[in-house]
Amino acid sequence: MAHPGQPTLYREDFCDRVIELGKQGFSVIEMCADIGISKQTIYDWTKANPEFLDAFTQARLHSQAWWESQGRESLGKAIFQSSLWSRSMAARFPEDWRESKQIELTESPFKRVADLIEKGIEGKRAES
């Protein structure tokens, strides 16, 4: 690994390497360790080298596909720890696996309150 401040030498063959590592389910950190670079460097390379950005994107897709297939293939096995796998997926691939709770309002809560107040005022007028 290059020392801090020392330039790392990008090579086009790293494109094939990250794709191969992705196909084995490697994480970004594992890819960096294998190539001998820092996490920051791998992201710098994606900005400076369009072909590496494409390869890295493919590698991450392959990695997620590998992990998803591991879960699918293990579903019927007695030793499969589904909660551990699910948490790992949420940590590795938060864009696709994070649990989110959303509340959808069909109308403005302020409008609803205003309508209730108006009804109360109209009810008072009718009583008088």
N, C-alpha and C. Protein backbone atom coordinates (compact mmCIF):
# COMPACT_ATOMS: atom_id res chain seq x y z
N MET A 1 0.86 -1.17 0.00
CA MET A 1 0.00 0.00 0.00
C MET A 1 0.90 1.23 0.00
N ALA A 2 0.49 2.23 -0.72
CA ALA A 2 1.26 3.47 -0.77
C ALA A 2 1.19 4.16 0.59
N HIS A 3 2.26 4.84 0.93
CA HIS A 3 2.29 5.58 2.19
C HIS A 3 1.58 6.91 2.00
N PRO A 4 1.06 7.51 3.08
CA PRO A 4 0.36 8.79 2.96
C PRO A 4 1.22 9.81 2.22
N GLY A 5 0.61 10.50 1.28
CA GLY A 5 1.32 11.51 0.51
C GLY A 5 2.03 10.96 -0.71
N GLN A 6 2.16 9.64 -0.77
CA GLN A 6 2.82 9.01 -1.92
C GLN A 6 1.76 8.69 -2.97
N PRO A 7 1.99 9.05 -4.23
CA PRO A 7 0.98 8.79 -5.26
C PRO A 7 0.81 7.29 -5.51
N THR A 8 -0.43 6.89 -5.78
CA THR A 8 -0.69 5.51 -6.15
C THR A 8 -0.77 5.45 -7.66
N LEU A 9 -0.32 4.39 -8.21
CA LEU A 9 -0.30 4.25 -9.66
C LEU A 9 -1.51 3.44 -10.11
N TYR A 10 -2.40 4.12 -10.79
CA TYR A 10 -3.57 3.47 -11.36
C TYR A 10 -3.14 2.66 -12.58
N ARG A 11 -3.68 1.46 -12.67
CA ARG A 11 -3.43 0.62 -13.85
C ARG A 11 -4.77 0.13 -14.38
N GLU A 12 -4.88 0.05 -15.68
CA GLU A 12 -6.14 -0.39 -16.30
C GLU A 12 -6.53 -1.80 -15.89
N ASP A 13 -5.56 -2.65 -15.56
CA ASP A 13 -5.90 -4.03 -15.17
C ASP A 13 -6.65 -4.08 -13.83
N PHE A 14 -6.65 -2.98 -13.08
CA PHE A 14 -7.43 -2.93 -11.85
C PHE A 14 -8.93 -3.01 -12.16
N CYS A 15 -9.33 -2.59 -13.35
CA CYS A 15 -10.74 -2.69 -13.75
C CYS A 15 -11.19 -4.16 -13.70
N ASP A 16 -10.42 -5.03 -14.35
CA ASP A 16 -10.77 -6.45 -14.35
C ASP A 16 -10.70 -7.04 -12.95
N ARG A 17 -9.72 -6.58 -12.17
CA ARG A 17 -9.54 -7.12 -10.82
C ARG A 17 -10.73 -6.80 -9.92
N VAL A 18 -11.20 -5.54 -9.92
CA VAL A 18 -12.32 -5.21 -9.03
C VAL A 18 -13.59 -5.95 -9.45
N ILE A 19 -13.78 -6.14 -10.76
CA ILE A 19 -14.95 -6.90 -11.21
C ILE A 19 -14.87 -8.34 -10.71
N GLU A 20 -13.70 -8.95 -10.82
CA GLU A 20 -13.52 -10.32 -10.32
C GLU A 20 -13.77 -10.39 -8.81
N LEU A 21 -13.26 -9.44 -8.07
CA LEU A 21 -13.47 -9.43 -6.62
C LEU A 21 -14.95 -9.24 -6.29
N GLY A 22 -15.62 -8.37 -7.04
CA GLY A 22 -17.05 -8.17 -6.84
C GLY A 22 -17.83 -9.46 -7.06
N LYS A 23 -17.45 -10.22 -8.06
CA LYS A 23 -18.12 -11.50 -8.34
C LYS A 23 -17.96 -12.50 -7.21
N GLN A 24 -16.96 -12.27 -6.35
CA GLN A 24 -16.75 -13.14 -5.19
C GLN A 24 -17.39 -12.57 -3.93
N GLY A 25 -18.10 -11.43 -4.07
CA GLY A 25 -18.80 -10.84 -2.93
C GLY A 25 -17.96 -9.93 -2.07
N PHE A 26 -16.78 -9.54 -2.56
CA PHE A 26 -15.89 -8.68 -1.77
C PHE A 26 -16.54 -7.33 -1.50
N SER A 27 -16.27 -6.77 -0.35
CA SER A 27 -16.71 -5.42 -0.01
C SER A 27 -15.73 -4.41 -0.63
N VAL A 28 -16.09 -3.14 -0.58
CA VAL A 28 -15.20 -2.09 -1.09
C VAL A 28 -13.87 -2.13 -0.34
N ILE A 29 -13.92 -2.28 0.97
CA ILE A 29 -12.70 -2.32 1.78
C ILE A 29 -11.84 -3.52 1.40
N GLU A 30 -12.46 -4.67 1.17
CA GLU A 30 -11.70 -5.85 0.76
C GLU A 30 -11.05 -5.64 -0.61
N MET A 31 -11.78 -4.97 -1.51
CA MET A 31 -11.20 -4.66 -2.82
C MET A 31 -9.98 -3.78 -2.67
N CYS A 32 -10.09 -2.74 -1.83
CA CYS A 32 -8.97 -1.83 -1.59
C CYS A 32 -7.77 -2.59 -1.03
N ALA A 33 -8.02 -3.45 -0.05
CA ALA A 33 -6.93 -4.21 0.57
C ALA A 33 -6.25 -5.11 -0.46
N ASP A 34 -7.03 -5.73 -1.31
CA ASP A 34 -6.47 -6.62 -2.32
C ASP A 34 -5.58 -5.87 -3.30
N ILE A 35 -6.02 -4.69 -3.72
CA ILE A 35 -5.26 -3.89 -4.68
C ILE A 35 -4.10 -3.16 -3.99
N GLY A 36 -4.24 -2.90 -2.69
CA GLY A 36 -3.19 -2.21 -1.95
C GLY A 36 -3.36 -0.70 -1.93
N ILE A 37 -4.62 -0.25 -1.86
CA ILE A 37 -4.90 1.19 -1.85
C ILE A 37 -5.85 1.52 -0.71
N SER A 38 -6.02 2.81 -0.48
CA SER A 38 -6.96 3.25 0.55
C SER A 38 -8.36 3.39 -0.04
N LYS A 39 -9.33 3.48 0.84
CA LYS A 39 -10.71 3.68 0.40
C LYS A 39 -10.85 5.00 -0.36
N GLN A 40 -10.17 6.03 0.10
CA GLN A 40 -10.22 7.32 -0.59
C GLN A 40 -9.66 7.21 -2.01
N THR A 41 -8.60 6.46 -2.16
CA THR A 41 -7.97 6.30 -3.48
C THR A 41 -8.92 5.64 -4.46
N ILE A 42 -9.64 4.61 -4.02
CA ILE A 42 -10.53 3.93 -4.96
C ILE A 42 -11.60 4.90 -5.47
N TYR A 43 -12.09 5.77 -4.57
CA TYR A 43 -13.10 6.74 -5.00
C TYR A 43 -12.47 7.84 -5.86
N ASP A 44 -11.23 8.20 -5.57
CA ASP A 44 -10.52 9.16 -6.43
C ASP A 44 -10.36 8.59 -7.84
N TRP A 45 -10.03 7.31 -7.92
CA TRP A 45 -9.86 6.67 -9.23
C TRP A 45 -11.17 6.67 -10.02
N THR A 46 -12.31 6.50 -9.32
CA THR A 46 -13.59 6.51 -10.04
C THR A 46 -13.87 7.87 -10.65
N LYS A 47 -13.38 8.93 -10.00
CA LYS A 47 -13.58 10.29 -10.52
C LYS A 47 -12.65 10.60 -11.68
N ALA A 48 -11.45 10.06 -11.63
CA ALA A 48 -10.42 10.39 -12.62
C ALA A 48 -10.40 9.45 -13.83
N ASN A 49 -11.01 8.29 -13.71
CA ASN A 49 -10.91 7.27 -14.76
C ASN A 49 -12.30 6.70 -15.06
N PRO A 50 -12.94 7.17 -16.11
CA PRO A 50 -14.30 6.69 -16.42
C PRO A 50 -14.40 5.18 -16.57
N GLU A 51 -13.38 4.55 -17.12
CA GLU A 51 -13.42 3.10 -17.29
C GLU A 51 -13.37 2.39 -15.93
N PHE A 52 -12.67 2.99 -14.96
CA PHE A 52 -12.64 2.40 -13.63
C PHE A 52 -13.97 2.62 -12.92
N LEU A 53 -14.58 3.77 -13.12
CA LEU A 53 -15.91 4.01 -12.55
C LEU A 53 -16.89 2.94 -13.03
N ASP A 54 -16.86 2.64 -14.31
CA ASP A 54 -17.74 1.61 -14.86
C ASP A 54 -17.43 0.25 -14.25
N ALA A 55 -16.15 -0.10 -14.16
CA ALA A 55 -15.76 -1.39 -13.59
C ALA A 55 -16.14 -1.48 -12.11
N PHE A 56 -15.92 -0.41 -11.37
CA PHE A 56 -16.24 -0.38 -9.95
C PHE A 56 -17.75 -0.50 -9.73
N THR A 57 -18.53 0.16 -10.58
CA THR A 57 -19.98 0.06 -10.50
C THR A 57 -20.42 -1.38 -10.75
N GLN A 58 -19.85 -2.00 -11.77
CA GLN A 58 -20.15 -3.41 -12.05
C GLN A 58 -19.74 -4.30 -10.88
N ALA A 59 -18.58 -4.02 -10.31
CA ALA A 59 -18.08 -4.83 -9.19
C ALA A 59 -19.04 -4.77 -8.01
N ARG A 60 -19.55 -3.58 -7.72
CA ARG A 60 -20.48 -3.44 -6.60
C ARG A 60 -21.79 -4.16 -6.88
N LEU A 61 -22.26 -4.13 -8.13
CA LEU A 61 -23.46 -4.88 -8.50
C LEU A 61 -23.23 -6.38 -8.36
N HIS A 62 -22.08 -6.85 -8.83
CA HIS A 62 -21.76 -8.27 -8.70
C HIS A 62 -21.67 -8.68 -7.23
N SER A 63 -21.08 -7.82 -6.42
CA SER A 63 -20.96 -8.12 -5.00
C SER A 63 -22.34 -8.26 -4.35
N GLN A 64 -23.23 -7.32 -4.65
CA GLN A 64 -24.58 -7.40 -4.08
C GLN A 64 -25.30 -8.65 -4.59
N ALA A 65 -25.15 -8.95 -5.87
CA ALA A 65 -25.79 -10.15 -6.43
C ALA A 65 -25.26 -11.41 -5.73
N TRP A 66 -23.95 -11.44 -5.46
CA TRP A 66 -23.36 -12.59 -4.77
C TRP A 66 -23.99 -12.76 -3.39
N TRP A 67 -24.08 -11.66 -2.65
CA TRP A 67 -24.65 -11.73 -1.30
C TRP A 67 -26.13 -12.09 -1.33
N GLU A 68 -26.87 -11.56 -2.28
CA GLU A 68 -28.28 -11.90 -2.39
C GLU A 68 -28.46 -13.38 -2.72
N SER A 69 -27.61 -13.91 -3.58
CA SER A 69 -27.71 -15.33 -3.92
C SER A 69 -27.37 -16.20 -2.72
N GLN A 70 -26.45 -15.74 -1.88
CA GLN A 70 -26.13 -16.50 -0.66
C GLN A 70 -27.36 -16.63 0.23
N GLY A 71 -28.09 -15.53 0.36
CA GLY A 71 -29.31 -15.56 1.16
C GLY A 71 -30.37 -16.46 0.53
N ARG A 72 -30.58 -16.32 -0.77
CA ARG A 72 -31.59 -17.11 -1.48
C ARG A 72 -31.27 -18.60 -1.37
N GLU A 73 -30.01 -18.95 -1.56
CA GLU A 73 -29.62 -20.37 -1.53
C GLU A 73 -29.66 -20.94 -0.12
N SER A 74 -29.63 -20.11 0.89
CA SER A 74 -29.58 -20.58 2.27
C SER A 74 -30.93 -20.57 2.97
N LEU A 75 -31.95 -20.06 2.31
CA LEU A 75 -33.26 -19.90 2.96
C LEU A 75 -33.80 -21.17 3.59
N GLY A 76 -33.68 -22.30 2.95
CA GLY A 76 -34.24 -23.54 3.47
C GLY A 76 -33.34 -24.29 4.42
N LYS A 77 -32.15 -23.79 4.66
CA LYS A 77 -31.19 -24.50 5.51
C LYS A 77 -31.45 -24.20 6.99
N ALA A 78 -31.29 -25.22 7.79
CA ALA A 78 -31.55 -25.08 9.23
C ALA A 78 -30.55 -24.14 9.91
N ILE A 79 -29.35 -24.03 9.38
CA ILE A 79 -28.33 -23.22 10.04
C ILE A 79 -28.29 -21.77 9.55
N PHE A 80 -29.17 -21.41 8.63
CA PHE A 80 -29.18 -20.05 8.08
C PHE A 80 -29.63 -19.05 9.14
N GLN A 81 -28.83 -18.04 9.38
CA GLN A 81 -29.16 -17.00 10.35
C GLN A 81 -29.70 -15.79 9.59
N SER A 82 -30.99 -15.81 9.33
CA SER A 82 -31.61 -14.81 8.47
C SER A 82 -31.48 -13.39 9.03
N SER A 83 -31.59 -13.23 10.35
CA SER A 83 -31.50 -11.88 10.90
C SER A 83 -30.08 -11.33 10.76
N LEU A 84 -29.07 -12.15 10.92
CA LEU A 84 -27.69 -11.73 10.73
C LEU A 84 -27.45 -11.36 9.26
N TRP A 85 -27.95 -12.19 8.36
CA TRP A 85 -27.81 -11.92 6.92
C TRP A 85 -28.51 -10.62 6.56
N SER A 86 -29.71 -10.43 7.06
CA SER A 86 -30.48 -9.23 6.75
C SER A 86 -29.77 -7.97 7.25
N ARG A 87 -29.24 -8.01 8.45
CA ARG A 87 -28.50 -6.85 8.99
C ARG A 87 -27.23 -6.58 8.19
N SER A 88 -26.57 -7.65 7.76
CA SER A 88 -25.37 -7.50 6.95
C SER A 88 -25.73 -6.85 5.61
N MET A 89 -26.83 -7.26 5.02
CA MET A 89 -27.26 -6.68 3.74
C MET A 89 -27.58 -5.20 3.91
N ALA A 90 -28.26 -4.84 5.00
CA ALA A 90 -28.61 -3.43 5.24
C ALA A 90 -27.35 -2.59 5.44
N ALA A 91 -26.33 -3.17 6.04
CA ALA A 91 -25.08 -2.43 6.25
C ALA A 91 -24.26 -2.34 4.96
N ARG A 92 -24.24 -3.42 4.20
CA ARG A 92 -23.44 -3.45 2.96
C ARG A 92 -24.09 -2.67 1.82
N PHE A 93 -25.41 -2.75 1.74
CA PHE A 93 -26.13 -2.19 0.59
C PHE A 93 -27.33 -1.36 1.08
N PRO A 94 -27.05 -0.27 1.79
CA PRO A 94 -28.14 0.47 2.43
C PRO A 94 -29.15 1.07 1.44
N GLU A 95 -28.72 1.38 0.22
CA GLU A 95 -29.65 1.97 -0.75
C GLU A 95 -30.80 1.01 -1.07
N ASP A 96 -30.51 -0.28 -1.07
CA ASP A 96 -31.52 -1.28 -1.44
C ASP A 96 -32.06 -2.08 -0.27
N TRP A 97 -31.34 -2.12 0.84
CA TRP A 97 -31.72 -3.02 1.92
C TRP A 97 -32.04 -2.35 3.24
N ARG A 98 -31.96 -1.05 3.31
CA ARG A 98 -32.26 -0.37 4.57
C ARG A 98 -33.77 -0.40 4.79
N GLU A 99 -34.16 -0.74 6.00
CA GLU A 99 -35.58 -0.67 6.33
C GLU A 99 -35.93 0.78 6.57
N SER A 100 -37.01 1.20 5.96
CA SER A 100 -37.42 2.58 6.19
C SER A 100 -38.89 2.60 6.53
N LYS A 101 -39.22 3.50 7.39
CA LYS A 101 -40.60 3.70 7.79
C LYS A 101 -41.02 5.05 7.28
N GLN A 102 -42.03 5.05 6.44
CA GLN A 102 -42.50 6.30 5.88
C GLN A 102 -43.97 6.48 6.24
N ILE A 103 -44.30 7.69 6.54
CA ILE A 103 -45.69 8.04 6.80
C ILE A 103 -46.13 8.94 5.66
N GLU A 104 -47.17 8.53 5.01
CA GLU A 104 -47.67 9.31 3.89
C GLU A 104 -48.95 10.01 4.32
N LEU A 105 -48.94 11.32 4.21
CA LEU A 105 -50.11 12.09 4.55
C LEU A 105 -50.91 12.34 3.28
N THR A 106 -52.18 12.01 3.33
CA THR A 106 -53.00 12.21 2.15
C THR A 106 -53.54 13.64 2.08
N GLU A 107 -53.54 14.32 3.22
CA GLU A 107 -53.90 15.73 3.22
C GLU A 107 -53.11 16.44 4.30
N SER A 108 -53.00 17.71 4.17
CA SER A 108 -52.21 18.49 5.11
C SER A 108 -52.81 18.40 6.51
N PRO A 109 -52.00 18.13 7.53
CA PRO A 109 -52.53 18.10 8.90
C PRO A 109 -53.04 19.47 9.32
N PHE A 110 -52.45 20.54 8.77
CA PHE A 110 -52.90 21.88 9.11
C PHE A 110 -54.30 22.13 8.56
N LYS A 111 -54.55 21.61 7.36
CA LYS A 111 -55.88 21.76 6.77
C LYS A 111 -56.90 21.01 7.62
N ARG A 112 -56.54 19.83 8.07
CA ARG A 112 -57.45 19.03 8.90
C ARG A 112 -57.78 19.76 10.19
N VAL A 113 -56.80 20.34 10.84
CA VAL A 113 -57.03 21.09 12.08
C VAL A 113 -57.91 22.30 11.78
N ALA A 114 -57.61 23.00 10.69
CA ALA A 114 -58.41 24.17 10.32
C ALA A 114 -59.85 23.77 10.06
N ASP A 115 -60.08 22.64 9.39
CA ASP A 115 -61.43 22.16 9.14
C ASP A 115 -62.16 21.85 10.44
N LEU A 116 -61.47 21.22 11.38
CA LEU A 116 -62.10 20.90 12.67
C LEU A 116 -62.45 22.17 13.44
N ILE A 117 -61.58 23.14 13.42
CA ILE A 117 -61.85 24.42 14.09
C ILE A 117 -63.06 25.10 13.45
N GLU A 118 -63.08 25.11 12.13
CA GLU A 118 -64.20 25.73 11.39
C GLU A 118 -65.51 25.04 11.74
N LYS A 119 -65.51 23.72 11.79
CA LYS A 119 -66.71 22.98 12.15
C LYS A 119 -67.17 23.33 13.56
N GLY A 120 -66.19 23.47 14.46
CA GLY A 120 -66.52 23.84 15.83
C GLY A 120 -67.14 25.22 15.91
N ILE A 121 -66.60 26.15 15.15
CA ILE A 121 -67.12 27.53 15.12
C ILE A 121 -68.54 27.51 14.54
N GLU A 122 -68.74 26.77 13.43
CA GLU A 122 -70.05 26.70 12.81
C GLU A 122 -71.06 26.05 13.74
N GLY A 123 -70.63 25.04 14.49
CA GLY A 123 -71.51 24.38 15.44
C GLY A 123 -71.95 25.32 16.55
N LYS A 124 -71.02 26.16 17.00
CA LYS A 124 -71.35 27.15 18.05
C LYS A 124 -72.36 28.17 17.52
N ARG A 125 -72.21 28.58 16.26
CA ARG A 125 -73.14 29.54 15.66
C ARG A 125 -74.53 28.96 15.54
N ALA A 126 -74.58 27.69 15.19
CA ALA A 126 -75.89 27.03 15.02
C ALA A 126 -76.62 26.90 16.35
N GLU A 127 -75.85 26.72 17.41
CA GLU A 127 -76.45 26.58 18.74
C GLU A 127 -77.01 27.92 19.24
N SER A 128 -76.44 29.05 18.79
CA SER A 128 -76.88 30.35 19.32
C SER A 128 -78.08 30.87 18.60
